[in-house]
Amino acid sequence: MQHHLSTLAMTNDFSTKDLSCQVEYPTVEPISPAAKENIASCRDVECQGDSRALVVVLIGWAGAEDRNLKKYSDTYLNMGCIVVRFIAPLRVTFLNFDKLPKLAVRAVDILKKWQLNEHPMFFNVFSNGEQDPIAPWEGIELVAQTLQNRGNPVTLVKFEGSAHVFHFKKYPQEYTSAVTKFIFDTMGSYEGPTTFWDEF
């Protein structure tokens, strides 16, 4: 018999014409002792005894809709995390890409306004496949190396045979395990603050 967590979330919508933004705060109701223990230990590791919940920021891919990101949100909400979902519309991503830096600043302003930047924070930026013509793996590795050089913990995971942004769909258990392991490992060893690009 499998036990599942029932996730209820309070959602705030901070969307504008050029940026979709949803912030979800979890209400987790475990229905088994094992699930309850898992959530409790996860919170302890994530926050290192801190009462502030972990914040996971999901940045949607070009053409994504909020319903596409919701399934990823549920994974983190079940861990007791606050989840923020940002999506820029296609017309901005491809036609008015000069607006992207302004949208990034707006996103950071939202995090700061609601004091979410004071929480431990992870960014889930969606990935690619090795033969992906939209987001070549070399570009992903370059970004990862840049982040690592700036002192950020980075883990690269290769999923064989899944197309652009389809890793979770094809490998749900492996994907969830990889992100959960990254969070546990990082929170267990990393003591640095959340650093936004404009603060370098």
N, C-alpha and C. Protein backbone atom coordinates (compact mmCIF):
# COMPACT_ATOMS: atom_id res chain seq x y z
N MET A 1 0.83 -1.18 0.00
CA MET A 1 0.00 0.00 0.00
C MET A 1 0.89 1.25 0.00
N GLN A 2 0.61 2.18 -0.89
CA GLN A 2 1.37 3.41 -0.95
C GLN A 2 0.67 4.49 -0.15
N HIS A 3 1.47 5.31 0.54
CA HIS A 3 0.93 6.46 1.27
C HIS A 3 1.32 7.71 0.51
N HIS A 4 0.40 8.62 0.39
CA HIS A 4 0.67 9.88 -0.30
C HIS A 4 0.42 11.04 0.64
N LEU A 5 1.07 12.15 0.36
CA LEU A 5 0.83 13.36 1.12
C LEU A 5 -0.26 14.16 0.44
N SER A 6 -1.11 14.72 1.24
CA SER A 6 -2.15 15.59 0.70
C SER A 6 -1.65 17.02 0.82
N THR A 7 -1.46 17.68 -0.30
CA THR A 7 -0.92 19.02 -0.26
C THR A 7 -2.02 20.04 -0.47
N LEU A 8 -2.17 20.92 0.49
CA LEU A 8 -3.04 22.07 0.35
C LEU A 8 -2.11 23.27 0.36
N ALA A 9 -2.38 24.24 -0.47
CA ALA A 9 -1.48 25.38 -0.52
C ALA A 9 -2.28 26.67 -0.61
N MET A 10 -1.77 27.68 0.09
CA MET A 10 -2.32 29.02 -0.04
C MET A 10 -1.52 29.70 -1.15
N THR A 11 -2.21 30.20 -2.17
CA THR A 11 -1.54 30.79 -3.33
C THR A 11 -1.80 32.28 -3.41
N ASN A 12 -0.72 33.03 -3.64
CA ASN A 12 -0.82 34.46 -3.93
C ASN A 12 -0.39 34.68 -5.37
N ASP A 13 -1.17 35.46 -6.10
CA ASP A 13 -0.86 35.76 -7.50
C ASP A 13 -0.34 37.18 -7.61
N PHE A 14 0.94 37.33 -8.02
CA PHE A 14 1.56 38.63 -8.19
C PHE A 14 1.87 38.89 -9.66
N SER A 15 1.09 38.30 -10.54
CA SER A 15 1.35 38.39 -11.98
C SER A 15 1.08 39.80 -12.51
N THR A 16 1.85 40.14 -13.54
CA THR A 16 1.62 41.37 -14.31
C THR A 16 1.51 40.96 -15.77
N LYS A 17 1.34 41.93 -16.64
CA LYS A 17 1.21 41.64 -18.07
C LYS A 17 2.44 40.90 -18.61
N ASP A 18 3.62 41.23 -18.12
CA ASP A 18 4.86 40.67 -18.65
C ASP A 18 5.52 39.60 -17.78
N LEU A 19 4.92 39.26 -16.64
CA LEU A 19 5.54 38.27 -15.77
C LEU A 19 4.48 37.55 -14.95
N SER A 20 4.40 36.24 -15.13
CA SER A 20 3.51 35.43 -14.30
C SER A 20 4.26 35.09 -13.02
N CYS A 21 3.63 35.33 -11.88
CA CYS A 21 4.27 35.03 -10.59
C CYS A 21 3.23 34.49 -9.62
N GLN A 22 3.44 33.26 -9.19
CA GLN A 22 2.59 32.61 -8.19
C GLN A 22 3.47 32.24 -7.01
N VAL A 23 3.01 32.55 -5.80
CA VAL A 23 3.72 32.16 -4.58
C VAL A 23 2.80 31.24 -3.80
N GLU A 24 3.29 30.03 -3.50
CA GLU A 24 2.49 29.07 -2.74
C GLU A 24 3.15 28.75 -1.41
N TYR A 25 2.34 28.79 -0.37
CA TYR A 25 2.76 28.43 0.97
C TYR A 25 2.12 27.10 1.31
N PRO A 26 2.90 26.11 1.76
CA PRO A 26 2.34 24.76 1.94
C PRO A 26 1.56 24.59 3.24
N THR A 27 0.58 23.74 3.17
CA THR A 27 -0.07 23.17 4.33
C THR A 27 -0.03 21.68 4.06
N VAL A 28 0.86 20.99 4.73
CA VAL A 28 1.07 19.57 4.45
C VAL A 28 0.35 18.74 5.49
N GLU A 29 -0.45 17.80 5.02
CA GLU A 29 -1.18 16.90 5.91
C GLU A 29 -0.77 15.46 5.63
N PRO A 30 0.29 14.98 6.29
CA PRO A 30 0.70 13.59 6.06
C PRO A 30 -0.37 12.63 6.54
N ILE A 31 -0.55 11.54 5.82
CA ILE A 31 -1.57 10.59 6.21
C ILE A 31 -0.95 9.27 6.69
N SER A 32 0.35 9.27 6.89
CA SER A 32 0.98 8.08 7.45
C SER A 32 2.12 8.53 8.35
N PRO A 33 2.46 7.73 9.39
CA PRO A 33 3.58 8.09 10.26
C PRO A 33 4.90 8.23 9.49
N ALA A 34 5.10 7.36 8.48
CA ALA A 34 6.35 7.43 7.69
C ALA A 34 6.42 8.74 6.93
N ALA A 35 5.28 9.16 6.37
CA ALA A 35 5.26 10.43 5.64
C ALA A 35 5.52 11.59 6.59
N LYS A 36 4.92 11.53 7.78
CA LYS A 36 5.11 12.60 8.77
C LYS A 36 6.58 12.71 9.17
N GLU A 37 7.21 11.57 9.39
CA GLU A 37 8.63 11.55 9.77
C GLU A 37 9.49 12.10 8.63
N ASN A 38 9.17 11.75 7.39
CA ASN A 38 9.92 12.23 6.23
C ASN A 38 9.85 13.76 6.14
N ILE A 39 8.65 14.34 6.30
CA ILE A 39 8.49 15.78 6.24
C ILE A 39 9.27 16.45 7.36
N ALA A 40 9.17 15.91 8.58
CA ALA A 40 9.85 16.51 9.72
C ALA A 40 11.36 16.50 9.52
N SER A 41 11.92 15.36 9.08
CA SER A 41 13.37 15.30 8.90
C SER A 41 13.81 16.19 7.75
N CYS A 42 12.99 16.28 6.72
CA CYS A 42 13.30 17.14 5.58
C CYS A 42 13.37 18.59 6.02
N ARG A 43 12.42 19.03 6.82
CA ARG A 43 12.43 20.42 7.30
C ARG A 43 13.65 20.68 8.16
N ASP A 44 14.02 19.70 9.02
CA ASP A 44 15.19 19.89 9.86
C ASP A 44 16.45 20.08 9.03
N VAL A 45 16.61 19.25 8.00
CA VAL A 45 17.80 19.36 7.16
C VAL A 45 17.79 20.65 6.36
N GLU A 46 16.63 20.97 5.78
CA GLU A 46 16.56 22.14 4.92
C GLU A 46 16.92 23.41 5.65
N CYS A 47 16.41 23.58 6.84
CA CYS A 47 16.56 24.86 7.52
C CYS A 47 17.61 24.85 8.62
N GLN A 48 18.26 23.70 8.84
CA GLN A 48 19.31 23.60 9.84
C GLN A 48 18.86 24.19 11.18
N GLY A 49 17.67 23.83 11.61
CA GLY A 49 17.16 24.30 12.89
C GLY A 49 16.53 25.68 12.81
N ASP A 50 16.55 26.30 11.65
CA ASP A 50 15.96 27.62 11.44
C ASP A 50 14.46 27.45 11.24
N SER A 51 13.66 28.35 11.78
CA SER A 51 12.22 28.23 11.66
C SER A 51 11.70 28.70 10.30
N ARG A 52 12.58 29.31 9.50
CA ARG A 52 12.15 29.78 8.18
C ARG A 52 12.10 28.62 7.20
N ALA A 53 10.99 28.51 6.49
CA ALA A 53 10.85 27.43 5.50
C ALA A 53 11.75 27.70 4.31
N LEU A 54 12.19 26.63 3.68
CA LEU A 54 12.98 26.73 2.46
C LEU A 54 12.11 27.29 1.34
N VAL A 55 12.67 28.18 0.52
CA VAL A 55 11.98 28.72 -0.65
C VAL A 55 12.60 28.11 -1.90
N VAL A 56 11.75 27.57 -2.78
CA VAL A 56 12.21 27.06 -4.07
C VAL A 56 11.60 27.94 -5.14
N VAL A 57 12.45 28.52 -5.99
CA VAL A 57 12.01 29.39 -7.07
C VAL A 57 12.07 28.58 -8.37
N LEU A 58 10.92 28.42 -9.01
CA LEU A 58 10.84 27.72 -10.29
C LEU A 58 10.78 28.76 -11.40
N ILE A 59 11.71 28.68 -12.34
CA ILE A 59 11.72 29.61 -13.47
C ILE A 59 11.29 28.83 -14.70
N GLY A 60 10.12 29.18 -15.22
CA GLY A 60 9.52 28.43 -16.33
C GLY A 60 10.26 28.63 -17.63
N TRP A 61 10.20 27.62 -18.47
CA TRP A 61 10.82 27.66 -19.79
C TRP A 61 9.94 28.45 -20.76
N ALA A 62 10.48 28.77 -21.92
CA ALA A 62 9.73 29.51 -22.94
C ALA A 62 8.49 28.72 -23.35
N GLY A 63 7.35 29.35 -23.27
CA GLY A 63 6.10 28.69 -23.65
C GLY A 63 5.43 27.94 -22.53
N ALA A 64 6.05 27.90 -21.35
CA ALA A 64 5.44 27.19 -20.22
C ALA A 64 4.21 27.93 -19.74
N GLU A 65 3.30 27.18 -19.17
CA GLU A 65 2.14 27.75 -18.49
C GLU A 65 2.22 27.34 -17.03
N ASP A 66 1.51 28.06 -16.19
CA ASP A 66 1.59 27.77 -14.76
C ASP A 66 1.23 26.33 -14.45
N ARG A 67 0.27 25.76 -15.18
CA ARG A 67 -0.12 24.37 -14.93
C ARG A 67 1.05 23.41 -15.18
N ASN A 68 1.98 23.79 -16.10
CA ASN A 68 3.15 22.96 -16.35
C ASN A 68 4.08 22.93 -15.15
N LEU A 69 4.20 24.07 -14.47
CA LEU A 69 5.10 24.14 -13.31
C LEU A 69 4.47 23.58 -12.04
N LYS A 70 3.16 23.50 -12.02
CA LYS A 70 2.45 23.07 -10.82
C LYS A 70 2.88 21.68 -10.36
N LYS A 71 3.13 20.77 -11.30
CA LYS A 71 3.52 19.41 -10.90
C LYS A 71 4.89 19.42 -10.20
N TYR A 72 5.77 20.32 -10.61
CA TYR A 72 7.06 20.46 -9.91
C TYR A 72 6.83 21.08 -8.54
N SER A 73 5.94 22.07 -8.48
CA SER A 73 5.60 22.72 -7.21
C SER A 73 5.16 21.71 -6.18
N ASP A 74 4.31 20.79 -6.59
CA ASP A 74 3.75 19.82 -5.65
C ASP A 74 4.84 19.00 -4.96
N THR A 75 5.90 18.67 -5.70
CA THR A 75 7.02 17.94 -5.09
C THR A 75 7.61 18.73 -3.94
N TYR A 76 7.85 20.02 -4.17
CA TYR A 76 8.45 20.86 -3.13
C TYR A 76 7.47 21.20 -2.02
N LEU A 77 6.20 21.43 -2.37
CA LEU A 77 5.20 21.70 -1.34
C LEU A 77 5.07 20.52 -0.39
N ASN A 78 5.17 19.31 -0.93
CA ASN A 78 5.10 18.11 -0.09
C ASN A 78 6.29 18.00 0.85
N MET A 79 7.36 18.71 0.54
CA MET A 79 8.53 18.75 1.42
C MET A 79 8.41 19.88 2.44
N GLY A 80 7.34 20.67 2.37
CA GLY A 80 7.15 21.77 3.30
C GLY A 80 7.78 23.07 2.84
N CYS A 81 8.13 23.17 1.56
CA CYS A 81 8.78 24.37 1.02
C CYS A 81 7.76 25.40 0.56
N ILE A 82 8.15 26.67 0.59
CA ILE A 82 7.41 27.72 -0.08
C ILE A 82 7.88 27.68 -1.53
N VAL A 83 6.95 27.80 -2.48
CA VAL A 83 7.31 27.71 -3.89
C VAL A 83 6.90 28.99 -4.61
N VAL A 84 7.84 29.54 -5.37
CA VAL A 84 7.58 30.73 -6.20
C VAL A 84 7.76 30.31 -7.65
N ARG A 85 6.75 30.60 -8.48
CA ARG A 85 6.82 30.23 -9.90
C ARG A 85 6.82 31.51 -10.75
N PHE A 86 7.86 31.66 -11.57
CA PHE A 86 7.96 32.79 -12.49
C PHE A 86 7.93 32.28 -13.93
N ILE A 87 7.14 32.94 -14.79
CA ILE A 87 7.14 32.62 -16.22
C ILE A 87 7.02 33.93 -17.00
N ALA A 88 7.92 34.13 -17.95
CA ALA A 88 7.81 35.27 -18.87
C ALA A 88 7.06 34.79 -20.11
N PRO A 89 6.16 35.63 -20.67
CA PRO A 89 5.43 35.20 -21.87
C PRO A 89 6.33 35.06 -23.08
N LEU A 90 5.91 34.24 -24.05
CA LEU A 90 6.70 34.01 -25.26
C LEU A 90 7.04 35.30 -25.98
N ARG A 91 6.11 36.24 -26.06
CA ARG A 91 6.36 37.48 -26.80
C ARG A 91 7.52 38.25 -26.19
N VAL A 92 7.72 38.11 -24.87
CA VAL A 92 8.86 38.76 -24.23
C VAL A 92 10.12 37.93 -24.46
N THR A 93 10.00 36.62 -24.28
CA THR A 93 11.17 35.74 -24.40
C THR A 93 11.80 35.81 -25.78
N PHE A 94 10.98 35.87 -26.84
CA PHE A 94 11.54 35.82 -28.19
C PHE A 94 11.49 37.14 -28.95
N LEU A 95 10.53 38.00 -28.66
CA LEU A 95 10.39 39.23 -29.44
C LEU A 95 10.88 40.48 -28.72
N ASN A 96 10.74 40.50 -27.41
CA ASN A 96 11.16 41.67 -26.62
C ASN A 96 12.16 41.24 -25.55
N PHE A 97 13.17 40.46 -25.95
CA PHE A 97 14.08 39.90 -24.95
C PHE A 97 14.88 40.96 -24.22
N ASP A 98 14.87 42.22 -24.73
CA ASP A 98 15.53 43.29 -23.99
C ASP A 98 14.80 43.60 -22.68
N LYS A 99 13.56 43.10 -22.52
CA LYS A 99 12.80 43.27 -21.28
C LYS A 99 13.21 42.26 -20.21
N LEU A 100 13.90 41.20 -20.60
CA LEU A 100 14.21 40.13 -19.64
C LEU A 100 15.00 40.62 -18.43
N PRO A 101 16.02 41.49 -18.58
CA PRO A 101 16.71 41.97 -17.37
C PRO A 101 15.77 42.73 -16.43
N LYS A 102 14.84 43.50 -16.99
CA LYS A 102 13.88 44.22 -16.14
C LYS A 102 12.95 43.25 -15.42
N LEU A 103 12.57 42.17 -16.11
CA LEU A 103 11.72 41.17 -15.46
C LEU A 103 12.48 40.44 -14.35
N ALA A 104 13.76 40.21 -14.58
CA ALA A 104 14.58 39.57 -13.54
C ALA A 104 14.64 40.46 -12.30
N VAL A 105 14.81 41.76 -12.50
CA VAL A 105 14.83 42.70 -11.38
C VAL A 105 13.47 42.68 -10.67
N ARG A 106 12.39 42.65 -11.44
CA ARG A 106 11.05 42.61 -10.84
C ARG A 106 10.88 41.34 -10.00
N ALA A 107 11.38 40.22 -10.52
CA ALA A 107 11.28 38.96 -9.78
C ALA A 107 12.03 39.05 -8.46
N VAL A 108 13.24 39.59 -8.49
CA VAL A 108 14.02 39.74 -7.26
C VAL A 108 13.31 40.70 -6.30
N ASP A 109 12.71 41.77 -6.84
CA ASP A 109 11.97 42.71 -6.00
C ASP A 109 10.81 42.04 -5.28
N ILE A 110 10.11 41.13 -5.98
CA ILE A 110 9.00 40.39 -5.35
C ILE A 110 9.53 39.54 -4.20
N LEU A 111 10.64 38.84 -4.44
CA LEU A 111 11.23 38.01 -3.39
C LEU A 111 11.62 38.85 -2.18
N LYS A 112 12.18 40.02 -2.44
CA LYS A 112 12.60 40.90 -1.34
C LYS A 112 11.41 41.53 -0.64
N LYS A 113 10.42 41.98 -1.41
CA LYS A 113 9.25 42.64 -0.82
C LYS A 113 8.55 41.74 0.19
N TRP A 114 8.43 40.46 -0.14
CA TRP A 114 7.77 39.52 0.75
C TRP A 114 8.75 38.81 1.66
N GLN A 115 9.98 39.32 1.73
CA GLN A 115 11.05 38.84 2.62
C GLN A 115 11.37 37.36 2.41
N LEU A 116 11.13 36.89 1.20
CA LEU A 116 11.46 35.50 0.90
C LEU A 116 12.96 35.31 0.74
N ASN A 117 13.67 36.40 0.42
CA ASN A 117 15.13 36.32 0.30
C ASN A 117 15.80 36.08 1.65
N GLU A 118 15.06 36.21 2.74
CA GLU A 118 15.62 35.95 4.07
C GLU A 118 15.55 34.48 4.45
N HIS A 119 14.94 33.68 3.59
CA HIS A 119 14.84 32.24 3.80
C HIS A 119 15.96 31.54 3.05
N PRO A 120 16.30 30.32 3.46
CA PRO A 120 17.18 29.51 2.60
C PRO A 120 16.48 29.35 1.25
N MET A 121 17.22 29.49 0.13
CA MET A 121 16.57 29.54 -1.18
C MET A 121 17.30 28.70 -2.22
N PHE A 122 16.51 28.00 -3.03
CA PHE A 122 17.02 27.23 -4.16
C PHE A 122 16.30 27.67 -5.42
N PHE A 123 17.02 27.66 -6.53
CA PHE A 123 16.43 27.97 -7.83
C PHE A 123 16.39 26.69 -8.66
N ASN A 124 15.21 26.36 -9.17
CA ASN A 124 15.06 25.22 -10.06
C ASN A 124 14.87 25.80 -11.46
N VAL A 125 15.93 25.74 -12.24
CA VAL A 125 15.91 26.25 -13.61
C VAL A 125 15.84 25.04 -14.51
N PHE A 126 14.91 25.02 -15.42
CA PHE A 126 14.64 23.81 -16.18
C PHE A 126 15.70 23.53 -17.21
N SER A 127 15.85 22.23 -17.47
CA SER A 127 17.04 21.72 -18.13
C SER A 127 16.77 21.17 -19.51
N ASN A 128 17.77 20.49 -20.03
CA ASN A 128 17.74 20.05 -21.42
C ASN A 128 18.18 18.60 -21.57
N GLY A 129 18.12 18.12 -22.79
CA GLY A 129 18.65 16.81 -23.13
C GLY A 129 19.92 16.98 -23.96
N GLU A 130 20.70 15.92 -24.10
CA GLU A 130 21.99 16.04 -24.80
C GLU A 130 21.82 16.47 -26.26
N GLN A 131 20.76 16.02 -26.90
CA GLN A 131 20.52 16.40 -28.31
C GLN A 131 19.51 17.53 -28.43
N ASP A 132 19.37 18.35 -27.40
CA ASP A 132 18.35 19.39 -27.35
C ASP A 132 18.75 20.59 -28.21
N PRO A 133 17.98 20.90 -29.28
CA PRO A 133 18.32 22.04 -30.12
C PRO A 133 17.91 23.38 -29.49
N ILE A 134 17.03 23.34 -28.49
CA ILE A 134 16.55 24.58 -27.86
C ILE A 134 17.53 25.08 -26.80
N ALA A 135 18.04 24.18 -25.97
CA ALA A 135 18.98 24.56 -24.91
C ALA A 135 20.14 23.57 -24.93
N PRO A 136 21.15 23.80 -25.78
CA PRO A 136 22.27 22.86 -25.89
C PRO A 136 22.97 22.63 -24.55
N TRP A 137 23.40 21.40 -24.34
CA TRP A 137 24.01 21.03 -23.07
C TRP A 137 25.27 21.85 -22.78
N GLU A 138 25.97 22.28 -23.82
CA GLU A 138 27.20 23.06 -23.58
C GLU A 138 26.87 24.38 -22.87
N GLY A 139 25.74 24.99 -23.24
CA GLY A 139 25.33 26.23 -22.59
C GLY A 139 24.95 26.02 -21.14
N ILE A 140 24.27 24.90 -20.86
CA ILE A 140 23.89 24.57 -19.48
C ILE A 140 25.15 24.36 -18.64
N GLU A 141 26.13 23.64 -19.20
CA GLU A 141 27.36 23.40 -18.45
C GLU A 141 28.15 24.68 -18.21
N LEU A 142 28.11 25.61 -19.18
CA LEU A 142 28.79 26.89 -19.00
C LEU A 142 28.16 27.70 -17.87
N VAL A 143 26.84 27.75 -17.83
CA VAL A 143 26.14 28.45 -16.73
C VAL A 143 26.47 27.78 -15.40
N ALA A 144 26.43 26.44 -15.37
CA ALA A 144 26.73 25.71 -14.14
C ALA A 144 28.15 26.00 -13.66
N GLN A 145 29.10 26.05 -14.59
CA GLN A 145 30.49 26.33 -14.23
C GLN A 145 30.63 27.75 -13.69
N THR A 146 29.94 28.70 -14.30
CA THR A 146 29.98 30.09 -13.84
C THR A 146 29.43 30.19 -12.42
N LEU A 147 28.31 29.55 -12.16
CA LEU A 147 27.73 29.57 -10.82
C LEU A 147 28.66 28.92 -9.81
N GLN A 148 29.28 27.80 -10.20
CA GLN A 148 30.22 27.12 -9.32
C GLN A 148 31.43 28.01 -9.01
N ASN A 149 31.93 28.70 -10.04
CA ASN A 149 33.08 29.60 -9.85
C ASN A 149 32.76 30.74 -8.89
N ARG A 150 31.49 31.09 -8.77
CA ARG A 150 31.07 32.15 -7.86
C ARG A 150 30.75 31.63 -6.46
N GLY A 151 31.05 30.36 -6.23
CA GLY A 151 30.90 29.80 -4.90
C GLY A 151 29.56 29.14 -4.62
N ASN A 152 28.73 28.97 -5.64
CA ASN A 152 27.43 28.32 -5.46
C ASN A 152 27.55 26.82 -5.64
N PRO A 153 26.85 26.04 -4.81
CA PRO A 153 26.85 24.59 -5.02
C PRO A 153 26.05 24.25 -6.28
N VAL A 154 26.59 23.40 -7.12
CA VAL A 154 25.94 23.01 -8.37
C VAL A 154 26.08 21.50 -8.54
N THR A 155 25.00 20.85 -8.97
CA THR A 155 25.05 19.44 -9.32
C THR A 155 24.44 19.28 -10.70
N LEU A 156 25.14 18.59 -11.58
CA LEU A 156 24.61 18.29 -12.91
C LEU A 156 24.18 16.83 -12.94
N VAL A 157 22.99 16.57 -13.46
CA VAL A 157 22.47 15.21 -13.58
C VAL A 157 22.08 14.99 -15.02
N LYS A 158 22.54 13.87 -15.59
CA LYS A 158 22.23 13.56 -16.98
C LYS A 158 21.12 12.52 -17.04
N PHE A 159 20.04 12.86 -17.77
CA PHE A 159 18.93 11.94 -17.98
C PHE A 159 18.97 11.51 -19.44
N GLU A 160 19.14 10.24 -19.68
CA GLU A 160 19.26 9.71 -21.04
C GLU A 160 17.91 9.64 -21.74
N GLY A 161 17.86 10.13 -22.97
CA GLY A 161 16.71 9.91 -23.83
C GLY A 161 15.46 10.72 -23.54
N SER A 162 15.56 11.78 -22.73
CA SER A 162 14.38 12.61 -22.50
C SER A 162 14.56 13.94 -23.23
N ALA A 163 13.49 14.41 -23.84
CA ALA A 163 13.53 15.62 -24.65
C ALA A 163 13.53 16.87 -23.76
N HIS A 164 13.61 18.01 -24.39
CA HIS A 164 13.63 19.32 -23.71
C HIS A 164 12.51 19.42 -22.68
N VAL A 165 12.87 19.72 -21.44
CA VAL A 165 12.00 19.85 -20.27
C VAL A 165 11.06 18.66 -20.04
N PHE A 166 11.47 17.47 -20.45
CA PHE A 166 10.65 16.27 -20.24
C PHE A 166 11.31 15.29 -19.27
N HIS A 167 12.35 15.71 -18.56
CA HIS A 167 13.02 14.79 -17.63
C HIS A 167 12.07 14.31 -16.54
N PHE A 168 11.32 15.25 -15.94
CA PHE A 168 10.41 14.88 -14.85
C PHE A 168 9.32 13.93 -15.34
N LYS A 169 8.82 14.18 -16.54
CA LYS A 169 7.76 13.33 -17.08
C LYS A 169 8.27 11.91 -17.35
N LYS A 170 9.48 11.80 -17.90
CA LYS A 170 10.02 10.48 -18.25
C LYS A 170 10.63 9.75 -17.05
N TYR A 171 11.24 10.52 -16.13
CA TYR A 171 11.92 9.94 -14.97
C TYR A 171 11.46 10.60 -13.67
N PRO A 172 10.18 10.50 -13.30
CA PRO A 172 9.69 11.24 -12.12
C PRO A 172 10.40 10.88 -10.82
N GLN A 173 10.64 9.60 -10.57
CA GLN A 173 11.30 9.20 -9.32
C GLN A 173 12.75 9.64 -9.29
N GLU A 174 13.46 9.44 -10.40
CA GLU A 174 14.87 9.82 -10.46
C GLU A 174 15.04 11.34 -10.35
N TYR A 175 14.15 12.07 -11.02
CA TYR A 175 14.21 13.54 -10.98
C TYR A 175 13.97 14.05 -9.56
N THR A 176 12.89 13.53 -8.93
CA THR A 176 12.56 13.95 -7.57
C THR A 176 13.69 13.58 -6.61
N SER A 177 14.24 12.39 -6.77
CA SER A 177 15.35 11.96 -5.93
C SER A 177 16.56 12.86 -6.09
N ALA A 178 16.86 13.25 -7.33
CA ALA A 178 18.03 14.10 -7.59
C ALA A 178 17.88 15.48 -6.95
N VAL A 179 16.70 16.10 -7.10
CA VAL A 179 16.54 17.44 -6.51
C VAL A 179 16.48 17.37 -4.99
N THR A 180 15.85 16.31 -4.46
CA THR A 180 15.79 16.16 -3.00
C THR A 180 17.19 15.96 -2.43
N LYS A 181 17.99 15.11 -3.08
CA LYS A 181 19.37 14.86 -2.63
C LYS A 181 20.19 16.15 -2.68
N PHE A 182 20.01 16.93 -3.75
CA PHE A 182 20.74 18.19 -3.87
C PHE A 182 20.39 19.12 -2.70
N ILE A 183 19.11 19.22 -2.39
CA ILE A 183 18.70 20.09 -1.28
C ILE A 183 19.27 19.60 0.04
N PHE A 184 19.14 18.30 0.32
CA PHE A 184 19.66 17.76 1.58
C PHE A 184 21.17 17.95 1.68
N ASP A 185 21.89 17.59 0.61
CA ASP A 185 23.35 17.69 0.64
C ASP A 185 23.80 19.13 0.79
N THR A 186 23.16 20.02 0.05
CA THR A 186 23.57 21.42 0.08
C THR A 186 23.27 22.06 1.43
N MET A 187 22.07 21.85 1.95
CA MET A 187 21.72 22.46 3.22
C MET A 187 22.54 21.89 4.36
N GLY A 188 23.05 20.68 4.17
CA GLY A 188 23.89 20.08 5.20
C GLY A 188 25.30 20.64 5.21
N SER A 189 25.73 21.27 4.11
CA SER A 189 27.13 21.70 4.03
C SER A 189 27.32 23.17 3.68
N TYR A 190 26.31 23.83 3.13
CA TYR A 190 26.48 25.20 2.64
C TYR A 190 25.97 26.20 3.66
N GLU A 191 26.79 27.19 4.00
CA GLU A 191 26.38 28.19 4.99
C GLU A 191 26.31 29.59 4.41
N GLY A 192 26.47 29.71 3.10
CA GLY A 192 26.46 31.03 2.48
C GLY A 192 25.06 31.59 2.35
N PRO A 193 24.95 32.92 2.16
CA PRO A 193 23.64 33.56 1.99
C PRO A 193 23.13 33.39 0.57
N THR A 194 21.84 33.68 0.37
CA THR A 194 21.30 33.75 -0.98
C THR A 194 21.88 35.00 -1.63
N THR A 195 22.52 34.84 -2.76
CA THR A 195 23.14 35.97 -3.45
C THR A 195 22.50 36.13 -4.81
N PHE A 196 21.91 37.31 -5.05
CA PHE A 196 21.30 37.59 -6.33
C PHE A 196 22.35 38.16 -7.26
N TRP A 197 22.09 38.07 -8.57
CA TRP A 197 23.06 38.53 -9.57
C TRP A 197 23.45 39.99 -9.37
N ASP A 198 22.50 40.85 -9.00
CA ASP A 198 22.79 42.28 -8.88
C ASP A 198 23.62 42.61 -7.65
N GLU A 199 23.92 41.61 -6.82
CA GLU A 199 24.68 41.86 -5.61
C GLU A 199 26.14 41.43 -5.73
N PHE A 200 26.55 40.97 -6.91
CA PHE A 200 27.95 40.56 -7.10
C PHE A 200 28.82 41.78 -7.28
